[in-house]
Amino acid sequence: MNYMRSLFLIAPALLAACTGGPQAGETSSSTGTGTTSSTTPVGLGSPPRTEDALSGTRLKARYYQSGDGARQFIGWFDSQRNVPCLFCMADSLRCLPAVSVQSRDAFADGACSQSALPAAVPPCTNPAPTEMTVFRPQTLAALTCASDIRAVSVGALVPPPTPIFFKDADGGCMQSASNPFGFYPVTGEIPLTDYAAATVMTDP
């Protein structure tokens, strides 16, 4: 396996471990009041039926919509944080930024002082992400529902060719191959509690 691909993998505008649908330049619409989502793990989630996706006061349902009136639910929009989001089990069930990355600690500089998130696919999200969900790679034995999930704010994409750096086992800063798609500088950590929480409900 390619070394760079083994260090990080960005989901194509999805939370790979969360529920929802694809993200691009969709339009959104709003109906009714709140909803909930399941916590189906990695890759097994499916969007609720369109008629079950009801907007609340903060989270708004998002759709693909065609000119003939057809539409498909694709996720949620957090109107308080102004970001698309998908439900994911972190410290609790929360709607976290829909653009996600799986990455070890990466850096934009040779001193390993500026955190960065490598882009492992050509960036085609419009608008560009301002917040991202980060999953830290772990062994299966160490994986728990809330393990190593965090949310960060990011700056503008730094385009390639740009080197990226990682710390070795001794804590030294080592340069990896230039990332073909560039990287996003991390500008801050966002508490998970800043995102909308939900509970799982079952119809009677």
Protein backbone atom coordinates (compact mmCIF):
# COMPACT_ATOMS: atom_id res chain seq x y z
CA MET A 1 0.00 0.00 0.00
CA ASN A 2 1.24 3.49 -0.83
CA TYR A 3 2.80 5.09 2.28
CA MET A 4 0.86 8.32 2.01
CA ARG A 5 -2.45 6.51 1.50
CA SER A 6 -1.74 4.39 4.55
CA LEU A 7 -1.31 7.51 6.69
CA PHE A 8 -4.50 9.26 5.75
CA LEU A 9 -7.70 8.80 3.84
CA ILE A 10 -10.26 11.50 3.32
CA ALA A 11 -13.84 10.42 2.83
CA PRO A 12 -15.45 11.90 -0.27
CA ALA A 13 -17.26 14.66 1.60
CA LEU A 14 -18.70 12.16 4.09
CA LEU A 15 -18.14 11.01 7.60
CA ALA A 16 -17.08 7.47 6.79
CA ALA A 17 -18.21 6.23 10.19
CA CYS A 18 -21.47 8.17 10.32
CA THR A 19 -24.84 8.20 8.64
CA GLY A 20 -26.01 10.35 5.77
CA GLY A 21 -25.56 10.84 2.04
CA PRO A 22 -23.11 12.50 -0.38
CA GLN A 23 -22.28 16.18 -0.31
CA ALA A 24 -21.68 18.60 -3.15
CA GLY A 25 -23.37 21.85 -4.19
CA GLU A 26 -26.88 20.84 -3.16
CA THR A 27 -29.84 23.01 -2.35
CA SER A 28 -31.56 22.61 1.00
CA SER A 29 -35.17 22.83 2.04
CA SER A 30 -36.96 22.77 5.38
CA THR A 31 -40.05 20.97 6.66
CA GLY A 32 -41.55 20.21 10.05
CA THR A 33 -39.68 19.64 13.29
CA GLY A 34 -36.67 17.60 14.44
CA THR A 35 -35.55 14.04 13.70
CA THR A 36 -33.00 11.48 14.82
CA SER A 37 -30.48 9.17 13.19
CA SER A 38 -29.12 5.72 13.88
CA THR A 39 -25.51 5.11 14.87
CA THR A 40 -24.79 2.39 12.30
CA PRO A 41 -20.97 2.00 12.14
CA VAL A 42 -18.50 2.39 9.29
CA GLY A 43 -19.99 2.39 5.82
CA LEU A 44 -23.31 0.74 6.76
CA GLY A 45 -25.43 3.84 7.30
CA SER A 46 -28.19 4.76 4.87
CA PRO A 47 -30.16 8.01 4.63
CA PRO A 48 -33.67 8.06 6.05
CA ARG A 49 -36.58 8.23 3.62
CA THR A 50 -37.19 11.76 2.34
CA GLU A 51 -40.54 11.96 4.18
CA ASP A 52 -38.76 11.12 7.47
CA ALA A 53 -36.15 13.90 7.16
CA LEU A 54 -37.71 16.78 9.06
CA SER A 55 -35.88 20.03 9.72
CA GLY A 56 -35.67 21.46 13.23
CA THR A 57 -34.95 24.98 14.44
CA ARG A 58 -31.17 24.47 14.14
CA LEU A 59 -30.60 21.47 11.85
CA LYS A 60 -32.05 21.78 8.37
CA ALA A 61 -32.58 18.85 6.00
CA ARG A 62 -30.55 18.96 2.76
CA TYR A 63 -31.56 17.45 -0.57
CA TYR A 64 -30.60 16.86 -4.13
CA GLN A 65 -33.51 18.33 -6.08
CA SER A 66 -34.19 18.04 -9.81
CA GLY A 67 -36.14 20.39 -12.02
CA ASP A 68 -39.07 17.98 -12.21
CA GLY A 69 -39.60 18.00 -8.44
CA ALA A 70 -37.78 14.79 -7.50
CA ARG A 71 -35.54 15.05 -4.46
CA GLN A 72 -33.28 12.87 -2.32
CA PHE A 73 -32.24 13.52 1.26
CA ILE A 74 -28.45 13.79 1.65
CA GLY A 75 -27.77 15.09 5.14
CA TRP A 76 -28.14 18.06 7.44
CA PHE A 77 -27.09 21.70 7.64
CA ASP A 78 -26.18 23.21 11.03
CA SER A 79 -27.62 26.71 10.73
CA GLN A 80 -25.90 27.81 13.95
CA ARG A 81 -22.38 26.85 12.83
CA ASN A 82 -23.12 27.31 9.10
CA VAL A 83 -21.74 23.89 8.08
CA PRO A 84 -23.19 20.71 6.55
CA CYS A 85 -23.20 17.93 9.14
CA LEU A 86 -23.93 14.22 9.63
CA PHE A 87 -24.89 12.36 12.78
CA CYS A 88 -22.01 10.46 14.39
CA MET A 89 -21.36 8.87 17.78
CA ALA A 90 -18.59 10.91 19.44
CA ASP A 91 -18.87 11.83 23.14
CA SER A 92 -22.58 11.40 22.38
CA LEU A 93 -24.64 11.32 19.20
CA ARG A 94 -23.91 14.63 17.45
CA CYS A 95 -24.19 16.22 14.03
CA LEU A 96 -20.50 16.74 13.18
CA PRO A 97 -18.98 18.48 10.12
CA ALA A 98 -19.81 16.46 7.00
CA VAL A 99 -16.32 16.82 5.52
CA SER A 100 -14.10 14.34 7.32
CA VAL A 101 -10.57 13.00 7.21
CA GLN A 102 -8.82 10.01 8.73
CA SER A 103 -5.28 11.06 9.54
CA ARG A 104 -2.42 10.66 11.93
CA ASP A 105 -0.96 13.88 13.35
CA ALA A 106 0.36 15.78 10.34
CA PHE A 107 2.14 19.11 10.08
CA ALA A 108 2.75 21.81 7.49
CA ASP A 109 6.29 22.72 8.59
CA GLY A 110 9.65 21.10 9.31
CA ALA A 111 9.40 21.91 13.01
CA CYS A 112 6.12 19.97 13.29
CA SER A 113 4.48 22.99 14.93
CA GLN A 114 1.65 23.82 12.48
CA SER A 115 -1.03 21.13 12.42
CA ALA A 116 -2.40 20.21 9.01
CA LEU A 117 -4.87 17.82 7.42
CA PRO A 118 -3.82 16.29 4.08
CA ALA A 119 -6.34 16.25 1.26
CA ALA A 120 -6.29 12.74 -0.19
CA VAL A 121 -8.76 13.39 -3.00
CA PRO A 122 -9.03 16.39 -5.33
CA PRO A 123 -10.92 19.05 -3.34
CA CYS A 124 -14.27 19.56 -5.06
CA THR A 125 -16.44 20.66 -2.12
CA ASN A 126 -18.21 23.92 -2.86
CA PRO A 127 -17.98 25.99 -0.78
CA ALA A 128 -14.61 24.95 0.62
CA PRO A 129 -14.80 23.43 4.13
CA THR A 130 -14.21 25.62 7.16
CA GLU A 131 -14.69 22.84 9.73
CA MET A 132 -13.78 19.16 9.50
CA THR A 133 -14.19 15.99 11.55
CA VAL A 134 -10.96 14.08 12.19
CA PHE A 135 -10.72 10.35 12.88
CA ARG A 136 -7.38 9.15 14.17
CA PRO A 137 -6.37 5.70 12.81
CA GLN A 138 -6.36 2.97 15.45
CA THR A 139 -6.07 -0.78 15.69
CA LEU A 140 -9.38 -2.63 15.80
CA ALA A 141 -8.67 -3.72 19.38
CA ALA A 142 -8.31 -0.12 20.50
CA LEU A 143 -11.34 1.23 18.64
CA THR A 144 -14.25 2.46 20.76
CA CYS A 145 -17.34 4.45 19.85
CA ALA A 146 -15.91 7.79 20.95
CA SER A 147 -12.22 7.10 20.38
CA ASP A 148 -10.08 9.81 18.81
CA ILE A 149 -12.80 11.80 17.10
CA ARG A 150 -12.36 15.55 17.11
CA ALA A 151 -13.56 18.61 15.21
CA VAL A 152 -11.30 21.37 13.92
CA SER A 153 -11.51 24.62 12.00
CA VAL A 154 -9.36 24.78 8.87
CA GLY A 155 -7.90 27.45 6.64
CA ALA A 156 -7.79 27.60 2.85
CA LEU A 157 -6.35 24.64 0.95
CA VAL A 158 -2.58 24.87 0.40
CA PRO A 159 -2.18 23.50 -3.13
CA PRO A 160 0.46 20.99 -4.26
CA PRO A 161 3.31 20.45 -4.67
CA THR A 162 3.71 20.95 -0.94
CA PRO A 163 5.61 18.71 1.50
CA ILE A 164 3.88 17.45 4.62
CA PHE A 165 5.53 16.28 7.83
CA PHE A 166 4.93 13.62 10.48
CA LYS A 167 6.59 12.78 13.78
CA ASP A 168 8.59 9.56 13.93
CA ALA A 169 8.62 7.11 16.85
CA ASP A 170 11.32 9.17 18.58
CA GLY A 171 9.40 12.43 18.24
CA GLY A 172 11.53 13.77 15.41
CA CYS A 173 9.90 15.65 12.55
CA MET A 174 10.20 13.84 9.22
CA GLN A 175 9.15 14.95 5.77
CA SER A 176 6.91 12.67 3.77
CA ALA A 177 6.37 12.69 0.03
CA SER A 178 4.61 15.74 -1.36
CA ASN A 179 0.86 15.29 -1.03
CA PRO A 180 -0.61 15.34 -4.58
CA PHE A 181 -3.73 17.24 -3.48
CA GLY A 182 -2.30 19.67 -0.92
CA PHE A 183 -3.42 20.12 2.68
CA TYR A 184 -5.61 22.22 4.97
CA PRO A 185 -3.90 24.09 7.83
CA VAL A 186 -5.65 23.49 11.15
CA THR A 187 -6.57 26.82 12.74
CA GLY A 188 -8.22 25.61 15.94
CA GLU A 189 -9.90 22.85 17.93
CA ILE A 190 -13.69 22.93 18.31
CA PRO A 191 -15.30 21.31 21.38
CA LEU A 192 -17.61 18.48 20.38
CA THR A 193 -20.21 19.98 22.70
CA ASP A 194 -20.52 22.91 20.26
CA TYR A 195 -22.39 20.59 17.87
CA ALA A 196 -26.05 19.63 18.03
CA ALA A 197 -26.77 16.53 20.08
CA ALA A 198 -29.51 13.98 19.38
CA THR A 199 -31.04 10.81 20.78
CA VAL A 200 -32.18 7.64 19.04
CA MET A 201 -35.96 7.28 19.06
CA THR A 202 -38.18 4.34 18.10
CA ASP A 203 -41.75 4.74 16.89
CA PRO A 204 -44.36 3.06 19.09
